[in-house]
């Protein structure tokens, strides 16, 4: 009787070990997919970050704030990966484990596989969004460049005209307006202006261009 019971327990333990080996392999495959998705997300993040900081009018502050929000996702995934790797390392020797330990480990690896299955699509979606953002930024750079160049050229011309105007009436007010526009133009170049959903970066540069034209018109009127 006792012999049959021991044989049954051994058989159950063997079956549990086989089940654990299977779910561990499934979890390892899922882990690889999650790790790869995490790597692709980081690469897309870096591609977006690489477009910023050139003083070319891209909305740096707004984009960097968006990138920072993704850090919570990274931290969560990194925690998942680390927890799995620690658990996996502790199960190098299945033969010495008892039934309850094997059962608990099988539940952990099964739940991990399920978590990976739900997390990977989310990471892939976030990666696609970042790559789409990168493409939009590259397109925006091309659109902004000629408008930005015109604004800078007009600003330089207006500054020279004010300097050459001499002691004309209203000169100091024009200088003050021009200095304020210069500050605004530098802020636009640096991308430190917060994005307004109803206004495009190109609109802001056009606004600056229009204000500079008004100042130049004012200089012309005071000269006569």
C-alpha atoms as a PDB file:
ATOM      1  CA  UNK A   1       0.000   0.000   0.000  1.00  0.00           C
ATOM      2  CA  UNK A   2       2.675   2.443   1.025  1.00  0.00           C
ATOM      3  CA  UNK A   3       4.689   1.444  -2.001  1.00  0.00           C
ATOM      4  CA  UNK A   4       1.782   2.140  -4.336  1.00  0.00           C
ATOM      5  CA  UNK A   5       1.241   5.533  -2.671  1.00  0.00           C
ATOM      6  CA  UNK A   6       4.898   6.441  -3.044  1.00  0.00           C
ATOM      7  CA  UNK A   7       4.777   5.411  -6.682  1.00  0.00           C
ATOM      8  CA  UNK A   8       1.690   7.536  -7.264  1.00  0.00           C
ATOM      9  CA  UNK A   9       3.327  10.521  -5.585  1.00  0.00           C
ATOM     10  CA  UNK A  10       6.455  10.039  -7.651  1.00  0.00           C
ATOM     11  CA  UNK A  11       4.362   9.849 -10.804  1.00  0.00           C
ATOM     12  CA  UNK A  12       2.512  13.063  -9.892  1.00  0.00           C
ATOM     13  CA  UNK A  13       5.795  14.761  -9.107  1.00  0.00           C
ATOM     14  CA  UNK A  14       7.207  13.671 -12.460  1.00  0.00           C
ATOM     15  CA  UNK A  15       4.143  14.926 -14.300  1.00  0.00           C
ATOM     16  CA  UNK A  16       4.268  18.212 -12.411  1.00  0.00           C
ATOM     17  CA  UNK A  17       7.945  18.570 -13.336  1.00  0.00           C
ATOM     18  CA  UNK A  18       7.136  17.948 -16.983  1.00  0.00           C
ATOM     19  CA  UNK A  19       4.336  20.509 -16.870  1.00  0.00           C
ATOM     20  CA  UNK A  20       6.671  23.010 -15.249  1.00  0.00           C
ATOM     21  CA  UNK A  21       9.321  22.438 -17.907  1.00  0.00           C
ATOM     22  CA  UNK A  22       6.712  23.104 -20.585  1.00  0.00           C
ATOM     23  CA  UNK A  23       5.322  26.313 -19.051  1.00  0.00           C
ATOM     24  CA  UNK A  24       8.880  27.501 -18.396  1.00  0.00           C
ATOM     25  CA  UNK A  25       9.682  27.118 -22.089  1.00  0.00           C
ATOM     26  CA  UNK A  26       6.507  28.980 -23.035  1.00  0.00           C
ATOM     27  CA  UNK A  27       7.434  31.715 -20.576  1.00  0.00           C
ATOM     28  CA  UNK A  28      10.965  31.890 -21.993  1.00  0.00           C
ATOM     29  CA  UNK A  29       9.580  32.381 -25.501  1.00  0.00           C
ATOM     30  CA  UNK A  30       7.170  35.054 -24.229  1.00  0.00           C
ATOM     31  CA  UNK A  31      10.018  36.687 -22.336  1.00  0.00           C
ATOM     32  CA  UNK A  32      12.025  36.954 -25.536  1.00  0.00           C
ATOM     33  CA  UNK A  33       9.124  38.618 -27.331  1.00  0.00           C
ATOM     34  CA  UNK A  34       8.659  41.082 -24.471  1.00  0.00           C
ATOM     35  CA  UNK A  35      12.365  41.885 -24.357  1.00  0.00           C
ATOM     36  CA  UNK A  36      12.467  42.455 -28.113  1.00  0.00           C
ATOM     37  CA  UNK A  37       9.378  44.690 -27.964  1.00  0.00           C
ATOM     38  CA  UNK A  38      11.005  46.671 -25.158  1.00  0.00           C
ATOM     39  CA  UNK A  39      14.150  47.092 -27.264  1.00  0.00           C
ATOM     40  CA  UNK A  40      12.163  48.303 -30.273  1.00  0.00           C
ATOM     41  CA  UNK A  41      10.314  50.794 -28.071  1.00  0.00           C
ATOM     42  CA  UNK A  42      13.583  52.174 -26.743  1.00  0.00           C
ATOM     43  CA  UNK A  43      14.960  52.454 -30.264  1.00  0.00           C
ATOM     44  CA  UNK A  44      11.879  54.406 -31.393  1.00  0.00           C
ATOM     45  CA  UNK A  45      12.194  56.632 -28.314  1.00  0.00           C
ATOM     46  CA  UNK A  46      15.814  57.360 -29.164  1.00  0.00           C
ATOM     47  CA  UNK A  47      14.923  58.130 -32.774  1.00  0.00           C
ATOM     48  CA  UNK A  48      12.424  60.752 -31.626  1.00  0.00           C
ATOM     49  CA  UNK A  49      14.877  62.217 -29.115  1.00  0.00           C
ATOM     50  CA  UNK A  50      17.541  62.423 -31.831  1.00  0.00           C
ATOM     51  CA  UNK A  51      15.406  64.859 -33.850  1.00  0.00           C
ATOM     52  CA  UNK A  52      15.344  67.403 -31.028  1.00  0.00           C
ATOM     53  CA  UNK A  53      17.672  70.111 -29.782  1.00  0.00           C
ATOM     54  CA  UNK A  54      18.880  71.622 -33.061  1.00  0.00           C
ATOM     55  CA  UNK A  55      17.233  75.022 -32.619  1.00  0.00           C
ATOM     56  CA  UNK A  56      15.187  74.540 -35.767  1.00  0.00           C
ATOM     57  CA  UNK A  57      11.752  75.257 -34.329  1.00  0.00           C
ATOM     58  CA  UNK A  58      10.618  71.748 -33.402  1.00  0.00           C
ATOM     59  CA  UNK A  59       8.516  71.742 -30.181  1.00  0.00           C
ATOM     60  CA  UNK A  60      11.230  70.311 -27.953  1.00  0.00           C
ATOM     61  CA  UNK A  61       9.612  70.826 -24.557  1.00  0.00           C
ATOM     62  CA  UNK A  62       6.292  69.309 -25.584  1.00  0.00           C
ATOM     63  CA  UNK A  63       7.869  66.279 -27.251  1.00  0.00           C
ATOM     64  CA  UNK A  64      10.255  65.628 -24.374  1.00  0.00           C
ATOM     65  CA  UNK A  65       7.331  65.742 -21.962  1.00  0.00           C
ATOM     66  CA  UNK A  66       5.616  63.079 -24.063  1.00  0.00           C
ATOM     67  CA  UNK A  67       8.751  60.961 -24.032  1.00  0.00           C
ATOM     68  CA  UNK A  68       9.048  61.289 -20.261  1.00  0.00           C
ATOM     69  CA  UNK A  69       5.520  59.939 -19.819  1.00  0.00           C
ATOM     70  CA  UNK A  70       6.636  56.707 -21.464  1.00  0.00           C
ATOM     71  CA  UNK A  71       9.221  56.146 -18.741  1.00  0.00           C
ATOM     72  CA  UNK A  72       6.557  54.669 -16.451  1.00  0.00           C
ATOM     73  CA  UNK A  73       5.867  52.012 -19.085  1.00  0.00           C
ATOM     74  CA  UNK A  74       9.571  51.273 -19.375  1.00  0.00           C
ATOM     75  CA  UNK A  75       9.943  50.929 -15.614  1.00  0.00           C
ATOM     76  CA  UNK A  76       7.002  48.541 -15.426  1.00  0.00           C
ATOM     77  CA  UNK A  77       8.331  46.358 -18.239  1.00  0.00           C
ATOM     78  CA  UNK A  78      11.857  46.388 -16.859  1.00  0.00           C
ATOM     79  CA  UNK A  79      10.467  45.253 -13.509  1.00  0.00           C
ATOM     80  CA  UNK A  80       8.619  42.395 -15.238  1.00  0.00           C
ATOM     81  CA  UNK A  81      11.760  41.318 -17.069  1.00  0.00           C
ATOM     82  CA  UNK A  82      13.909  41.425 -13.931  1.00  0.00           C
ATOM     83  CA  UNK A  83      11.369  39.522 -11.830  1.00  0.00           C
ATOM     84  CA  UNK A  84      11.138  36.792 -14.443  1.00  0.00           C
ATOM     85  CA  UNK A  85      14.902  36.481 -14.812  1.00  0.00           C
ATOM     86  CA  UNK A  86      15.331  36.157 -11.035  1.00  0.00           C
ATOM     87  CA  UNK A  87      12.630  33.490 -10.863  1.00  0.00           C
ATOM     88  CA  UNK A  88      14.016  31.659 -13.873  1.00  0.00           C
ATOM     89  CA  UNK A  89      17.502  31.592 -12.385  1.00  0.00           C
ATOM     90  CA  UNK A  90      16.151  30.029  -9.176  1.00  0.00           C
ATOM     91  CA  UNK A  91      14.651  27.121 -11.120  1.00  0.00           C
ATOM     92  CA  UNK A  92      17.715  25.610 -12.684  1.00  0.00           C
ATOM     93  CA  UNK A  93      17.258  22.392 -10.672  1.00  0.00           C
ATOM     94  CA  UNK A  94      13.663  21.156 -10.867  1.00  0.00           C
ATOM     95  CA  UNK A  95      14.411  17.612  -9.678  1.00  0.00           C
ATOM     96  CA  UNK A  96      15.106  18.667  -6.075  1.00  0.00           C
ATOM     97  CA  UNK A  97      11.832  20.619  -5.702  1.00  0.00           C
ATOM     98  CA  UNK A  98       8.686  19.339  -4.011  1.00  0.00           C
ATOM     99  CA  UNK A  99       5.191  19.275  -5.514  1.00  0.00           C
ATOM    100  CA  UNK A 100       3.935  22.509  -3.910  1.00  0.00           C
ATOM    101  CA  UNK A 101       6.985  24.477  -5.034  1.00  0.00           C
ATOM    102  CA  UNK A 102       6.651  23.143  -8.564  1.00  0.00           C
ATOM    103  CA  UNK A 103       2.941  24.036  -8.620  1.00  0.00           C
ATOM    104  CA  UNK A 104       3.627  27.589  -7.422  1.00  0.00           C
ATOM    105  CA  UNK A 105       6.406  28.021  -9.997  1.00  0.00           C
ATOM    106  CA  UNK A 106       4.168  26.736 -12.792  1.00  0.00           C
ATOM    107  CA  UNK A 107       1.504  29.273 -11.802  1.00  0.00           C
ATOM    108  CA  UNK A 108       4.073  32.082 -11.831  1.00  0.00           C
ATOM    109  CA  UNK A 109       5.436  31.208 -15.272  1.00  0.00           C
ATOM    110  CA  UNK A 110       1.928  30.758 -16.674  1.00  0.00           C
ATOM    111  CA  UNK A 111       0.840  34.157 -15.358  1.00  0.00           C
ATOM    112  CA  UNK A 112       4.035  35.709 -16.714  1.00  0.00           C
ATOM    113  CA  UNK A 113       3.337  34.330 -20.183  1.00  0.00           C
ATOM    114  CA  UNK A 114      -0.182  35.769 -20.034  1.00  0.00           C
ATOM    115  CA  UNK A 115       1.151  39.150 -18.912  1.00  0.00           C
ATOM    116  CA  UNK A 116       3.620  39.159 -21.783  1.00  0.00           C
ATOM    117  CA  UNK A 117       0.850  38.322 -24.235  1.00  0.00           C
ATOM    118  CA  UNK A 118      -1.113  41.403 -23.146  1.00  0.00           C
ATOM    119  CA  UNK A 119       1.888  43.730 -22.755  1.00  0.00           C
ATOM    120  CA  UNK A 120       3.679  43.095 -26.060  1.00  0.00           C
ATOM    121  CA  UNK A 121       0.844  44.525 -28.216  1.00  0.00           C
ATOM    122  CA  UNK A 122       0.771  47.626 -26.008  1.00  0.00           C
ATOM    123  CA  UNK A 123       4.506  48.120 -26.508  1.00  0.00           C
ATOM    124  CA  UNK A 124       4.162  47.587 -30.234  1.00  0.00           C
ATOM    125  CA  UNK A 125       1.404  50.208 -30.345  1.00  0.00           C
ATOM    126  CA  UNK A 126       3.546  52.657 -28.378  1.00  0.00           C
ATOM    127  CA  UNK A 127       6.455  51.988 -30.736  1.00  0.00           C
ATOM    128  CA  UNK A 128       4.310  52.707 -33.789  1.00  0.00           C
ATOM    129  CA  UNK A 129       3.112  55.939 -32.177  1.00  0.00           C
ATOM    130  CA  UNK A 130       6.685  57.058 -31.530  1.00  0.00           C
ATOM    131  CA  UNK A 131       7.760  56.264 -35.070  1.00  0.00           C
ATOM    132  CA  UNK A 132       4.764  58.208 -36.332  1.00  0.00           C
ATOM    133  CA  UNK A 133       5.784  61.128 -34.122  1.00  0.00           C
ATOM    134  CA  UNK A 134       9.327  60.961 -35.494  1.00  0.00           C
ATOM    135  CA  UNK A 135       8.010  61.135 -39.057  1.00  0.00           C
ATOM    136  CA  UNK A 136       5.776  64.093 -38.214  1.00  0.00           C
ATOM    137  CA  UNK A 137       8.711  65.927 -36.646  1.00  0.00           C
ATOM    138  CA  UNK A 138      10.857  65.344 -39.717  1.00  0.00           C
ATOM    139  CA  UNK A 139       8.056  66.633 -41.933  1.00  0.00           C
ATOM    140  CA  UNK A 140       7.541  69.626 -39.645  1.00  0.00           C
ATOM    141  CA  UNK A 141      11.245  70.484 -39.854  1.00  0.00           C
ATOM    142  CA  UNK A 142      10.959  70.735 -43.637  1.00  0.00           C
ATOM    143  CA  UNK A 143       7.793  72.865 -43.435  1.00  0.00           C
ATOM    144  CA  UNK A 144       9.177  75.216 -40.787  1.00  0.00           C
ATOM    145  CA  UNK A 145      12.577  75.802 -42.401  1.00  0.00           C
ATOM    146  CA  UNK A 146      11.590  78.361 -45.107  1.00  0.00           C
ATOM    147  CA  UNK A 147       9.175  80.226 -42.825  1.00  0.00           C
ATOM    148  CA  UNK A 148      11.737  80.341 -40.041  1.00  0.00           C
ATOM    149  CA  UNK A 149      14.410  81.596 -42.452  1.00  0.00           C
ATOM    150  CA  UNK A 150      12.108  84.376 -43.668  1.00  0.00           C
ATOM    151  CA  UNK A 151      11.322  85.405 -40.110  1.00  0.00           C
ATOM    152  CA  UNK A 152      15.005  85.605 -39.186  1.00  0.00           C
ATOM    153  CA  UNK A 153      15.840  87.537 -42.342  1.00  0.00           C
ATOM    154  CA  UNK A 154      13.010  89.979 -41.681  1.00  0.00           C
ATOM    155  CA  UNK A 155      14.050  90.351 -38.045  1.00  0.00           C
ATOM    156  CA  UNK A 156      17.640  91.158 -38.995  1.00  0.00           C
ATOM    157  CA  UNK A 157      16.430  93.710 -41.562  1.00  0.00           C
ATOM    158  CA  UNK A 158      14.044  95.313 -39.052  1.00  0.00           C
ATOM    159  CA  UNK A 159      16.780  95.504 -36.436  1.00  0.00           C
ATOM    160  CA  UNK A 160      19.096  97.232 -38.918  1.00  0.00           C
ATOM    161  CA  UNK A 161      16.355  99.640 -39.956  1.00  0.00           C
ATOM    162  CA  UNK A 162      15.579 100.607 -36.356  1.00  0.00           C
ATOM    163  CA  UNK A 163      19.273 101.137 -35.667  1.00  0.00           C
ATOM    164  CA  UNK A 164      19.601 103.393 -38.714  1.00  0.00           C
ATOM    165  CA  UNK A 165      16.400 105.307 -38.068  1.00  0.00           C
ATOM    166  CA  UNK A 166      18.053 107.809 -35.746  1.00  0.00           C
ATOM    167  CA  UNK A 167      16.079 109.842 -33.225  1.00  0.00           C
ATOM    168  CA  UNK A 168      12.673 109.426 -34.853  1.00  0.00           C
ATOM    169  CA  UNK A 169       9.428 109.575 -32.923  1.00  0.00           C
ATOM    170  CA  UNK A 170       8.395 106.191 -31.497  1.00  0.00           C
ATOM    171  CA  UNK A 171      11.783 104.588 -32.058  1.00  0.00           C
ATOM    172  CA  UNK A 172      12.111 103.287 -28.508  1.00  0.00           C
ATOM    173  CA  UNK A 173       8.667 101.703 -28.613  1.00  0.00           C
ATOM    174  CA  UNK A 174       9.574 100.013 -31.882  1.00  0.00           C
ATOM    175  CA  UNK A 175      12.836  98.775 -30.347  1.00  0.00           C
ATOM    176  CA  UNK A 176      10.958  97.372 -27.353  1.00  0.00           C
ATOM    177  CA  UNK A 177       8.513  95.551 -29.614  1.00  0.00           C
ATOM    178  CA  UNK A 178      11.367  94.255 -31.735  1.00  0.00           C
ATOM    179  CA  UNK A 179      13.259  92.996 -28.680  1.00  0.00           C
ATOM    180  CA  UNK A 180      10.153  91.161 -27.483  1.00  0.00           C
ATOM    181  CA  UNK A 181       9.742  89.579 -30.901  1.00  0.00           C
ATOM    182  CA  UNK A 182      13.403  88.565 -30.839  1.00  0.00           C
ATOM    183  CA  UNK A 183      12.847  86.792 -27.509  1.00  0.00           C
ATOM    184  CA  UNK A 184       9.812  85.073 -28.938  1.00  0.00           C
ATOM    185  CA  UNK A 185      11.681  84.051 -32.080  1.00  0.00           C
ATOM    186  CA  UNK A 186      14.492  82.524 -30.008  1.00  0.00           C
ATOM    187  CA  UNK A 187      11.933  80.658 -27.894  1.00  0.00           C
ATOM    188  CA  UNK A 188      10.324  79.279 -31.038  1.00  0.00           C
ATOM    189  CA  UNK A 189      13.694  78.182 -32.402  1.00  0.00           C
ATOM    190  CA  UNK A 190      14.522  76.437 -29.120  1.00  0.00           C
ATOM    191  CA  UNK A 191      11.143  74.702 -29.060  1.00  0.00           C
ATOM    192  CA  UNK A 192      10.380  75.983 -25.574  1.00  0.00           C
ATOM    193  CA  UNK A 193       6.895  77.208 -26.523  1.00  0.00           C
ATOM    194  CA  UNK A 194       4.123  74.856 -25.417  1.00  0.00           C
ATOM    195  CA  UNK A 195       2.137  73.371 -28.263  1.00  0.00           C
ATOM    196  CA  UNK A 196      -1.403  74.686 -28.677  1.00  0.00           C
ATOM    197  CA  UNK A 197      -3.753  72.135 -30.291  1.00  0.00           C
ATOM    198  CA  UNK A 198      -5.375  74.948 -32.272  1.00  0.00           C
ATOM    199  CA  UNK A 199      -2.114  76.476 -33.491  1.00  0.00           C
ATOM    200  CA  UNK A 200       0.720  74.991 -35.540  1.00  0.00           C
ATOM    201  CA  UNK A 201       4.397  75.860 -35.172  1.00  0.00           C
ATOM    202  CA  UNK A 202       4.273  77.272 -38.703  1.00  0.00           C
ATOM    203  CA  UNK A 203       1.434  79.563 -37.574  1.00  0.00           C
ATOM    204  CA  UNK A 204       3.569  80.933 -34.761  1.00  0.00           C
ATOM    205  CA  UNK A 205       6.418  81.736 -37.119  1.00  0.00           C
ATOM    206  CA  UNK A 206       3.997  83.423 -39.502  1.00  0.00           C
ATOM    207  CA  UNK A 207       2.670  85.494 -36.601  1.00  0.00           C
ATOM    208  CA  UNK A 208       6.211  86.622 -35.846  1.00  0.00           C
ATOM    209  CA  UNK A 209       6.785  87.407 -39.496  1.00  0.00           C
ATOM    210  CA  UNK A 210       3.627  89.526 -39.571  1.00  0.00           C
ATOM    211  CA  UNK A 211       4.599  91.430 -36.417  1.00  0.00           C
ATOM    212  CA  UNK A 212       8.024  92.167 -37.851  1.00  0.00           C
ATOM    213  CA  UNK A 213       6.395  93.489 -41.022  1.00  0.00           C
ATOM    214  CA  UNK A 214       4.222  95.810 -38.912  1.00  0.00           C
ATOM    215  CA  UNK A 215       7.305  97.147 -37.141  1.00  0.00           C
ATOM    216  CA  UNK A 216       9.073  97.746 -40.435  1.00  0.00           C
ATOM    217  CA  UNK A 217       6.022  99.578 -41.684  1.00  0.00           C
ATOM    218  CA  UNK A 218       6.135 101.670 -38.526  1.00  0.00           C
ATOM    219  CA  UNK A 219       9.787 102.500 -39.157  1.00  0.00           C
ATOM    220  CA  UNK A 220       8.928 103.586 -42.704  1.00  0.00           C
ATOM    221  CA  UNK A 221       6.128 105.862 -41.467  1.00  0.00           C
ATOM    222  CA  UNK A 222       8.320 107.548 -38.865  1.00  0.00           C
ATOM    223  CA  UNK A 223      10.989 108.223 -41.461  1.00  0.00           C
ATOM    224  CA  UNK A 224       8.672 110.618 -43.355  1.00  0.00           C
END
